[in-house]
Amino acid sequence: MVLGALGLGAALGFVLQRGRFCVTNAMRDVWVNGSTRWLTAFLLAIATQAVLVQVLLATGAIQVSIPQIAWAAVIGGSFLFGIGIVLAGGCATGTYYRSGEGLIGSWIALVFYALLASVMKFGALKPFNEAATGAQSSLSSIPDSLGISAWVLVATLVALTAVLVRRERAHVRPLAQPAARRRGVAHVLFEKAWSPFATAAVVGALAALAYPLSGWLAGKNSGLGITTPSANIVQFLTTGDTSVLGWGVFLVLGIIPGSYIAAKGSGEFRLRAPDARTAVRAVAGGSIMGVGAALAGGCTIGNSLVQTALFSYQGWVAFLFTFLGVGFAARVFVQTHRRAGAGATLVTPAGAGGVGAGVPALVRVTP
C-alpha cells in the first residue's frame, strides 16, 4: 500500500511540475489578463477523469460516495480558500510540488496549510468546523437530483471542453522548444515543453487511477485528496498516532520527491528564499487555505477536480466560489497603477520562479 500510494503521488508530482499545472494560475489568469487557456486545461482534466470514472462505475470496478452539501460551509470555505491560494502563490498541490522545486515560500505555506487544516479537523477549532460542515442539505449528486444519467452531464462537459480546447489551440502559437540535449524518452520527460492540454489529460487519468489503485492496495476506493491527509501528517507528528498514516498521507508525501525528480532532471531545481513580504503572505495564505479547505470539505483537488468529475453539488459549488475568491483576492492584492498610454507588466514575488509559479505581487505600468 505504501509504495503504491507513494508511486502515484510521485507520478502526480512529476507531471504537475513538468507541465507547470497550477490551478491558482488557471483561475487568476482569467481575472488578471483575461486568459482562459489554463482554466480550459483544468476543465479538460475534469472531463478526462469524469469519463474514466463513469466507465469504472458502470463496470462495477469501483464504488464511490458523494457527500451531501453543507451550503454555507462550502461557499464560505471555498471563497476563503480562493483568497488563500492567491496569497500563498499556489493551491494545495501547487505548494507541494513547488516545495519539491526548492521554493522555500511554498514550504512556509505548506506548513501553515497543514497546521490550520489539522486545527480545524482535530484541534481547537474542531467544534466550529463540525458545526459548520454538519449543517448539510439532502442534495449530493446533480444527476440524481435531476433524474438523469450521469452520462448526459459527462457528454455535455466533454463537448463543451472540446470546443474550448479547439478555440484555445487555434489562437496560440506552439512554444519554441529548446535544443535537444537528450534523445527519446529523456528528451520528452525533461526537456520538451509540455502542452497544458496533454498535462491536463494525464492529471485527469491519474486522478481516475487513484480509485481502483487505492481499492486494490488499501481496501477502499479513494479519489485524490490533499487537505485531510495533510492534516493527518500534523496529527501524526504531534500525537504519534500511526492509525492516521493511510493511503492519502503517503500519496501526498509522494508529490514532493516526484516534483524534485522532475525539477532536478530539467534543471529547474534550486533553493529560492522569499523576501519578507512574500514570506508573510505565505503564512497568511497557507493559514487561510487550511481553514477554507477544512470548511469546504476539500481543496482545488478534492473538490474542484475530483468531486466535479463525480458531478456532486459540493464539487461544482466549491469550484465556482473558489474561482470567485481568487477573483476577489486578485483585485484586492494585485495592485494596478494606470497611466495614460501605458502597458501593464506583471511582477511576481521573489522566489516564485517559473511559468505560473506565483501570485503577482504587483502589476506595474511601464511607460
Protein backbone atom coordinates (compact mmCIF):
# COMPACT_ATOMS: atom_id res chain seq x y z
CA MET A 1 0.00 0.00 0.00
CA VAL A 2 2.73 2.45 1.00
CA LEU A 3 4.76 2.00 -2.18
CA GLY A 4 1.67 2.19 -4.39
CA ALA A 5 0.50 5.44 -2.80
CA LEU A 6 3.98 6.95 -2.88
CA GLY A 7 4.34 5.90 -6.52
CA LEU A 8 1.07 7.50 -7.60
CA GLY A 9 1.91 10.66 -5.66
CA ALA A 10 5.36 10.80 -7.24
CA ALA A 11 3.86 10.41 -10.71
CA LEU A 12 1.41 13.21 -9.96
CA GLY A 13 4.17 15.47 -8.64
CA PHE A 14 6.32 14.78 -11.69
CA VAL A 15 3.50 15.61 -14.10
CA LEU A 16 2.42 18.73 -12.21
CA GLN A 17 5.97 20.09 -12.13
CA ARG A 18 6.88 19.36 -15.74
CA GLY A 19 3.55 20.62 -17.03
CA ARG A 20 3.55 23.67 -14.70
CA PHE A 21 -0.03 22.69 -13.88
CA CYS A 22 -1.29 25.32 -11.44
CA VAL A 23 -4.97 25.78 -10.60
CA THR A 24 -4.27 29.11 -8.93
CA ASN A 25 -2.64 30.32 -12.12
CA ALA A 26 -5.55 28.98 -14.17
CA MET A 27 -8.16 30.89 -12.19
CA ARG A 28 -6.09 34.00 -11.56
CA ASP A 29 -5.22 34.45 -15.25
CA VAL A 30 -8.91 34.87 -16.09
CA TRP A 31 -9.21 37.80 -13.68
CA VAL A 32 -5.81 39.41 -14.25
CA ASN A 33 -5.30 39.20 -18.02
CA GLY A 34 -8.42 37.55 -19.43
CA SER A 35 -6.63 34.35 -20.41
CA THR A 36 -8.71 31.15 -20.26
CA ARG A 37 -6.02 28.79 -21.57
CA TRP A 38 -5.14 27.15 -18.26
CA LEU A 39 -8.71 27.16 -16.99
CA THR A 40 -9.66 25.28 -20.15
CA ALA A 41 -6.87 22.81 -19.42
CA PHE A 42 -8.27 22.33 -15.92
CA LEU A 43 -11.72 21.59 -17.39
CA LEU A 44 -10.04 19.01 -19.63
CA ALA A 45 -8.59 17.30 -16.55
CA ILE A 46 -12.08 17.16 -15.02
CA ALA A 47 -13.62 15.84 -18.24
CA THR A 48 -10.94 13.18 -18.67
CA GLN A 49 -11.42 11.98 -15.12
CA ALA A 50 -15.23 12.09 -15.44
CA VAL A 51 -15.22 9.77 -18.46
CA LEU A 52 -12.83 7.26 -16.87
CA VAL A 53 -14.60 7.28 -13.51
CA GLN A 54 -18.01 6.72 -15.08
CA VAL A 55 -16.62 3.76 -17.01
CA LEU A 56 -15.19 2.34 -13.78
CA LEU A 57 -18.51 2.86 -12.01
CA ALA A 58 -20.50 1.34 -14.86
CA THR A 59 -18.34 -1.79 -14.87
CA GLY A 60 -18.52 -2.14 -11.08
CA ALA A 61 -14.76 -1.75 -10.74
CA ILE A 62 -15.11 0.94 -8.08
CA GLN A 63 -17.62 2.33 -5.62
CA VAL A 64 -17.74 5.97 -4.55
CA SER A 65 -19.71 8.03 -2.10
CA ILE A 66 -20.88 11.56 -2.89
CA PRO A 67 -21.16 13.93 0.10
CA GLN A 68 -24.26 15.94 0.89
CA ILE A 69 -23.53 19.61 0.52
CA ALA A 70 -23.25 21.93 3.53
CA TRP A 71 -24.06 25.12 1.64
CA ALA A 72 -22.70 27.77 4.00
CA ALA A 73 -19.50 25.85 4.78
CA VAL A 74 -18.75 25.01 1.16
CA ILE A 75 -19.49 28.53 -0.11
CA GLY A 76 -17.64 30.34 2.66
CA GLY A 77 -14.78 27.87 2.86
CA SER A 78 -14.20 27.80 -0.89
CA PHE A 79 -14.23 31.61 -1.09
CA LEU A 80 -11.67 31.76 1.72
CA PHE A 81 -9.60 29.08 0.02
CA GLY A 82 -9.57 31.11 -3.19
CA ILE A 83 -8.19 34.11 -1.28
CA GLY A 84 -5.62 31.92 0.44
CA ILE A 85 -4.19 30.39 -2.71
CA VAL A 86 -3.62 33.81 -4.23
CA LEU A 87 -1.72 34.97 -1.14
CA ALA A 88 0.25 31.71 -0.94
CA GLY A 89 1.07 31.73 -4.65
CA GLY A 90 -0.36 28.26 -5.25
CA CYS A 91 -3.11 25.86 -4.25
CA ALA A 92 -2.63 22.73 -2.14
CA THR A 93 -0.96 20.62 -4.83
CA GLY A 94 0.89 23.69 -6.04
CA THR A 95 2.53 24.18 -2.65
CA TYR A 96 3.50 20.50 -2.55
CA TYR A 97 5.07 20.35 -5.99
CA ARG A 98 6.77 23.74 -5.68
CA SER A 99 8.23 22.61 -2.37
CA GLY A 100 9.91 19.86 -4.39
CA GLU A 101 11.34 22.53 -6.71
CA GLY A 102 13.07 24.25 -3.82
CA LEU A 103 10.70 27.20 -3.26
CA ILE A 104 11.05 27.97 0.43
CA GLY A 105 8.00 30.22 0.31
CA SER A 106 5.96 27.15 -0.65
CA TRP A 107 7.42 25.25 2.31
CA ILE A 108 6.13 28.00 4.59
CA ALA A 109 2.67 28.00 3.00
CA LEU A 110 2.52 24.20 3.13
CA VAL A 111 3.36 24.06 6.85
CA PHE A 112 0.66 26.58 7.78
CA TYR A 113 -1.88 25.00 5.42
CA ALA A 114 -1.41 21.57 7.03
CA LEU A 115 -1.31 23.04 10.54
CA LEU A 116 -4.54 25.03 10.25
CA ALA A 117 -6.31 22.15 8.49
CA SER A 118 -5.34 19.95 11.45
CA VAL A 119 -6.52 22.58 13.96
CA MET A 120 -9.86 22.72 12.14
CA LYS A 121 -10.31 18.96 11.88
CA PHE A 122 -8.76 17.70 15.11
CA GLY A 123 -7.82 20.65 17.32
CA ALA A 124 -9.21 23.75 18.97
CA LEU A 125 -11.42 24.74 16.03
CA LYS A 126 -12.92 21.27 15.59
CA PRO A 127 -16.28 22.21 17.25
CA PHE A 128 -16.67 25.19 14.91
CA ASN A 129 -15.75 23.09 11.87
CA GLU A 130 -18.14 20.30 12.81
CA ALA A 131 -20.99 22.74 13.40
CA ALA A 132 -20.43 24.42 10.03
CA THR A 133 -19.96 21.26 7.99
CA GLY A 134 -22.70 19.42 9.85
CA ALA A 135 -25.43 21.72 8.53
CA GLN A 136 -25.93 19.62 5.39
CA SER A 137 -28.76 19.62 2.90
CA SER A 138 -30.16 16.49 1.28
CA LEU A 139 -28.53 17.34 -2.06
CA SER A 140 -25.45 15.41 -3.13
CA SER A 141 -25.46 14.22 -6.76
CA ILE A 142 -26.53 16.61 -9.52
CA PRO A 143 -27.68 13.91 -11.98
CA ASP A 144 -29.63 12.11 -9.24
CA SER A 145 -31.50 15.27 -8.25
CA LEU A 146 -32.26 16.00 -11.92
CA GLY A 147 -33.34 12.42 -12.57
CA ILE A 148 -30.92 11.94 -15.47
CA SER A 149 -27.98 9.69 -16.23
CA ALA A 150 -24.55 10.98 -15.25
CA TRP A 151 -23.51 10.25 -18.84
CA VAL A 152 -25.67 13.17 -20.02
CA LEU A 153 -23.59 15.56 -17.96
CA VAL A 154 -20.36 13.79 -18.93
CA ALA A 155 -21.19 14.16 -22.62
CA THR A 156 -22.11 17.82 -22.13
CA LEU A 157 -18.86 18.54 -20.28
CA VAL A 158 -16.77 16.69 -22.88
CA ALA A 159 -18.43 18.55 -25.76
CA LEU A 160 -18.01 21.94 -24.09
CA THR A 161 -14.39 21.21 -23.20
CA ALA A 162 -13.63 20.05 -26.74
CA VAL A 163 -14.95 23.34 -28.15
CA LEU A 164 -12.92 25.38 -25.66
CA VAL A 165 -9.71 23.39 -26.27
CA ARG A 166 -10.10 23.76 -30.03
CA ARG A 167 -10.57 27.50 -29.64
CA GLU A 168 -7.53 27.86 -27.41
CA ARG A 169 -5.32 25.80 -29.71
CA ALA A 170 -6.39 27.87 -32.71
CA HIS A 171 -5.23 31.11 -31.12
CA VAL A 172 -1.91 30.06 -29.58
CA ARG A 173 1.33 29.50 -31.42
CA PRO A 174 3.36 26.41 -30.47
CA LEU A 175 6.04 27.10 -27.87
CA ALA A 176 9.61 27.27 -29.09
CA GLN A 177 11.38 24.11 -27.97
CA PRO A 178 14.91 24.15 -26.51
CA ALA A 179 17.69 22.43 -28.43
CA ALA A 180 17.61 18.76 -27.52
CA ARG A 181 20.47 17.55 -25.33
CA ARG A 182 18.90 14.15 -24.73
CA ARG A 183 17.27 11.61 -27.00
CA GLY A 184 13.93 9.81 -26.98
CA VAL A 185 12.02 9.49 -23.74
CA ALA A 186 14.53 11.53 -21.72
CA HIS A 187 14.03 14.48 -24.07
CA VAL A 188 10.25 14.30 -23.70
CA LEU A 189 10.37 13.89 -19.93
CA PHE A 190 12.92 16.56 -19.04
CA GLU A 191 13.47 18.97 -21.93
CA LYS A 192 10.43 19.32 -24.16
CA ALA A 193 7.84 21.86 -23.01
CA TRP A 194 4.65 20.08 -22.07
CA SER A 195 1.35 21.21 -23.53
CA PRO A 196 -1.21 22.38 -20.94
CA PHE A 197 -3.79 20.09 -22.52
CA ALA A 198 -1.59 16.99 -22.61
CA THR A 199 -0.66 17.66 -18.98
CA ALA A 200 -4.32 18.08 -18.03
CA ALA A 201 -5.29 14.79 -19.67
CA VAL A 202 -2.58 12.95 -17.73
CA VAL A 203 -3.62 14.62 -14.45
CA GLY A 204 -7.22 13.56 -15.09
CA ALA A 205 -6.14 9.99 -15.82
CA LEU A 206 -4.02 9.81 -12.65
CA ALA A 207 -6.97 11.14 -10.62
CA ALA A 208 -9.17 8.38 -12.02
CA LEU A 209 -6.46 5.76 -11.42
CA ALA A 210 -6.44 6.66 -7.73
CA TYR A 211 -9.84 4.98 -7.26
CA PRO A 212 -9.07 1.41 -8.36
CA LEU A 213 -5.46 1.56 -7.15
CA SER A 214 -6.50 2.56 -3.62
CA GLY A 215 -9.14 -0.17 -3.68
CA TRP A 216 -6.65 -2.84 -4.63
CA LEU A 217 -3.92 -1.71 -2.25
CA ALA A 218 -5.79 -0.15 0.68
CA GLY A 219 -9.18 -1.86 0.53
CA LYS A 220 -11.18 1.31 -0.12
CA ASN A 221 -11.72 3.36 -3.27
CA SER A 222 -10.33 6.82 -2.56
CA GLY A 223 -10.03 9.69 -5.02
CA LEU A 224 -7.26 12.24 -4.83
CA GLY A 225 -7.36 14.36 -1.69
CA ILE A 226 -4.88 16.76 -0.16
CA THR A 227 -6.38 18.51 2.86
CA THR A 228 -7.27 15.65 5.20
CA PRO A 229 -4.01 13.77 4.51
CA SER A 230 -2.07 16.97 5.20
CA ALA A 231 -3.93 17.42 8.49
CA ASN A 232 -3.23 13.77 9.31
CA ILE A 233 0.50 14.34 8.87
CA VAL A 234 0.37 17.06 11.52
CA GLN A 235 -1.71 14.84 13.78
CA PHE A 236 0.82 12.03 13.48
CA LEU A 237 3.74 14.36 14.19
CA THR A 238 2.08 15.82 17.27
CA THR A 239 0.45 12.70 18.75
CA GLY A 240 2.39 9.78 17.29
CA ASP A 241 -0.90 8.15 16.26
CA THR A 242 0.12 5.80 13.43
CA SER A 243 -3.51 4.95 12.60
CA VAL A 244 -3.75 8.19 10.59
CA LEU A 245 -0.96 7.13 8.24
CA GLY A 246 -3.16 5.84 5.46
CA TRP A 247 -3.27 5.86 1.67
CA GLY A 248 -3.81 9.61 1.37
CA VAL A 249 -0.86 10.55 3.58
CA PHE A 250 1.65 8.59 1.53
CA LEU A 251 0.13 9.81 -1.72
CA VAL A 252 0.61 13.50 -0.83
CA LEU A 253 4.09 12.82 0.53
CA GLY A 254 4.97 11.24 -2.83
CA ILE A 255 4.24 14.51 -4.65
CA ILE A 256 7.38 16.18 -3.26
CA PRO A 257 10.00 13.63 -4.44
CA GLY A 258 8.18 13.31 -7.77
CA SER A 259 8.40 17.06 -8.27
CA TYR A 260 12.03 17.08 -7.13
CA ILE A 261 12.98 14.45 -9.71
CA ALA A 262 11.23 16.42 -12.45
CA ALA A 263 12.80 19.73 -11.41
CA LYS A 264 16.27 18.25 -10.96
CA GLY A 265 16.15 16.43 -14.29
CA SER A 266 15.01 19.53 -16.16
CA GLY A 267 17.48 21.84 -14.43
CA GLU A 268 14.74 23.80 -12.66
CA PHE A 269 15.55 22.88 -9.07
CA ARG A 270 17.20 25.48 -6.87
CA LEU A 271 16.59 26.76 -3.37
CA ARG A 272 14.84 30.13 -3.54
CA ALA A 273 14.18 32.12 -0.40
CA PRO A 274 11.25 34.58 -0.42
CA ASP A 275 11.53 38.20 0.59
CA ALA A 276 9.85 39.31 3.82
CA ARG A 277 6.61 40.38 2.14
CA THR A 278 6.24 37.10 0.28
CA ALA A 279 7.02 35.11 3.44
CA VAL A 280 4.29 36.94 5.36
CA ARG A 281 1.84 36.29 2.53
CA ALA A 282 2.82 32.62 2.55
CA VAL A 283 1.99 32.38 6.26
CA ALA A 284 -1.34 34.16 5.80
CA GLY A 285 -2.21 32.34 2.60
CA GLY A 286 -1.35 28.90 3.93
CA SER A 287 -3.39 29.51 7.09
CA ILE A 288 -6.43 30.73 5.16
CA MET A 289 -6.11 27.76 2.80
CA GLY A 290 -6.18 25.33 5.72
CA VAL A 291 -9.27 26.91 7.29
CA GLY A 292 -11.10 27.26 3.97
CA ALA A 293 -10.38 23.75 2.72
CA ALA A 294 -11.49 22.20 6.02
CA LEU A 295 -14.79 24.10 5.89
CA ALA A 296 -15.36 23.36 2.20
CA GLY A 297 -14.62 19.65 2.56
CA GLY A 298 -11.74 19.81 0.13
CA CYS A 299 -9.35 21.94 -1.89
CA THR A 300 -8.99 22.55 -5.63
CA ILE A 301 -8.14 18.85 -6.00
CA GLY A 302 -10.60 17.16 -3.64
CA ASN A 303 -13.49 19.44 -4.66
CA SER A 304 -12.75 21.28 -7.89
CA LEU A 305 -11.14 18.29 -9.63
CA VAL A 306 -12.43 15.10 -8.01
CA GLN A 307 -15.93 16.00 -6.83
CA THR A 308 -16.69 17.91 -10.04
CA ALA A 309 -15.88 14.77 -12.04
CA LEU A 310 -18.48 12.96 -9.91
CA PHE A 311 -20.94 15.81 -10.59
CA SER A 312 -21.57 16.49 -6.94
CA TYR A 313 -23.12 19.75 -5.80
CA GLN A 314 -20.20 20.20 -3.41
CA GLY A 315 -17.65 19.96 -6.22
CA TRP A 316 -19.21 22.47 -8.61
CA VAL A 317 -20.26 24.96 -5.91
CA ALA A 318 -16.73 24.81 -4.48
CA PHE A 319 -15.27 25.32 -7.96
CA LEU A 320 -17.42 28.44 -8.51
CA PHE A 321 -16.72 30.07 -5.15
CA THR A 322 -13.01 29.25 -5.21
CA PHE A 323 -12.92 30.99 -8.59
CA LEU A 324 -14.75 33.99 -7.12
CA GLY A 325 -12.41 34.04 -4.12
CA VAL A 326 -9.42 34.09 -6.46
CA GLY A 327 -11.02 36.98 -8.36
CA PHE A 328 -11.62 38.93 -5.15
CA ALA A 329 -8.03 38.40 -3.97
CA ALA A 330 -6.62 39.25 -7.38
CA ARG A 331 -8.44 42.59 -7.31
CA VAL A 332 -7.50 43.37 -3.69
CA PHE A 333 -3.90 42.17 -3.54
CA VAL A 334 -2.79 42.71 -7.13
CA GLN A 335 -2.31 46.46 -7.31
CA THR A 336 -2.93 48.13 -10.64
CA HIS A 337 -1.43 51.52 -11.43
CA ARG A 338 -2.75 53.06 -14.61
CA ARG A 339 -1.12 55.75 -16.67
CA ALA A 340 -2.34 57.12 -19.94
CA GLY A 341 -0.92 55.26 -22.90
CA ALA A 342 0.98 52.74 -20.76
CA GLY A 343 1.01 48.95 -20.71
CA ALA A 344 0.90 46.56 -17.76
CA THR A 345 3.76 44.34 -16.68
CA LEU A 346 3.33 41.53 -14.16
CA VAL A 347 5.92 41.32 -11.42
CA THR A 348 5.97 38.09 -9.44
CA PRO A 349 7.23 37.85 -5.86
CA ALA A 350 10.83 36.98 -5.14
CA GLY A 351 11.45 33.29 -5.13
CA ALA A 352 8.33 32.41 -7.13
CA GLY A 353 10.09 31.29 -10.27
CA GLY A 354 8.77 29.51 -13.32
CA VAL A 355 5.76 29.84 -15.57
CA GLY A 356 2.70 30.48 -13.43
CA ALA A 357 4.79 29.91 -10.35
CA GLY A 358 3.50 32.64 -8.09
CA VAL A 359 0.90 35.26 -7.46
CA PRO A 360 1.68 38.67 -8.90
CA ALA A 361 2.66 40.94 -6.04
CA LEU A 362 2.29 43.95 -8.26
CA VAL A 363 1.00 44.93 -11.64
CA ARG A 364 3.28 47.78 -12.56
CA VAL A 365 2.56 50.01 -15.50
CA THR A 366 5.61 50.95 -17.51
CA PRO A 367 5.75 53.87 -19.89
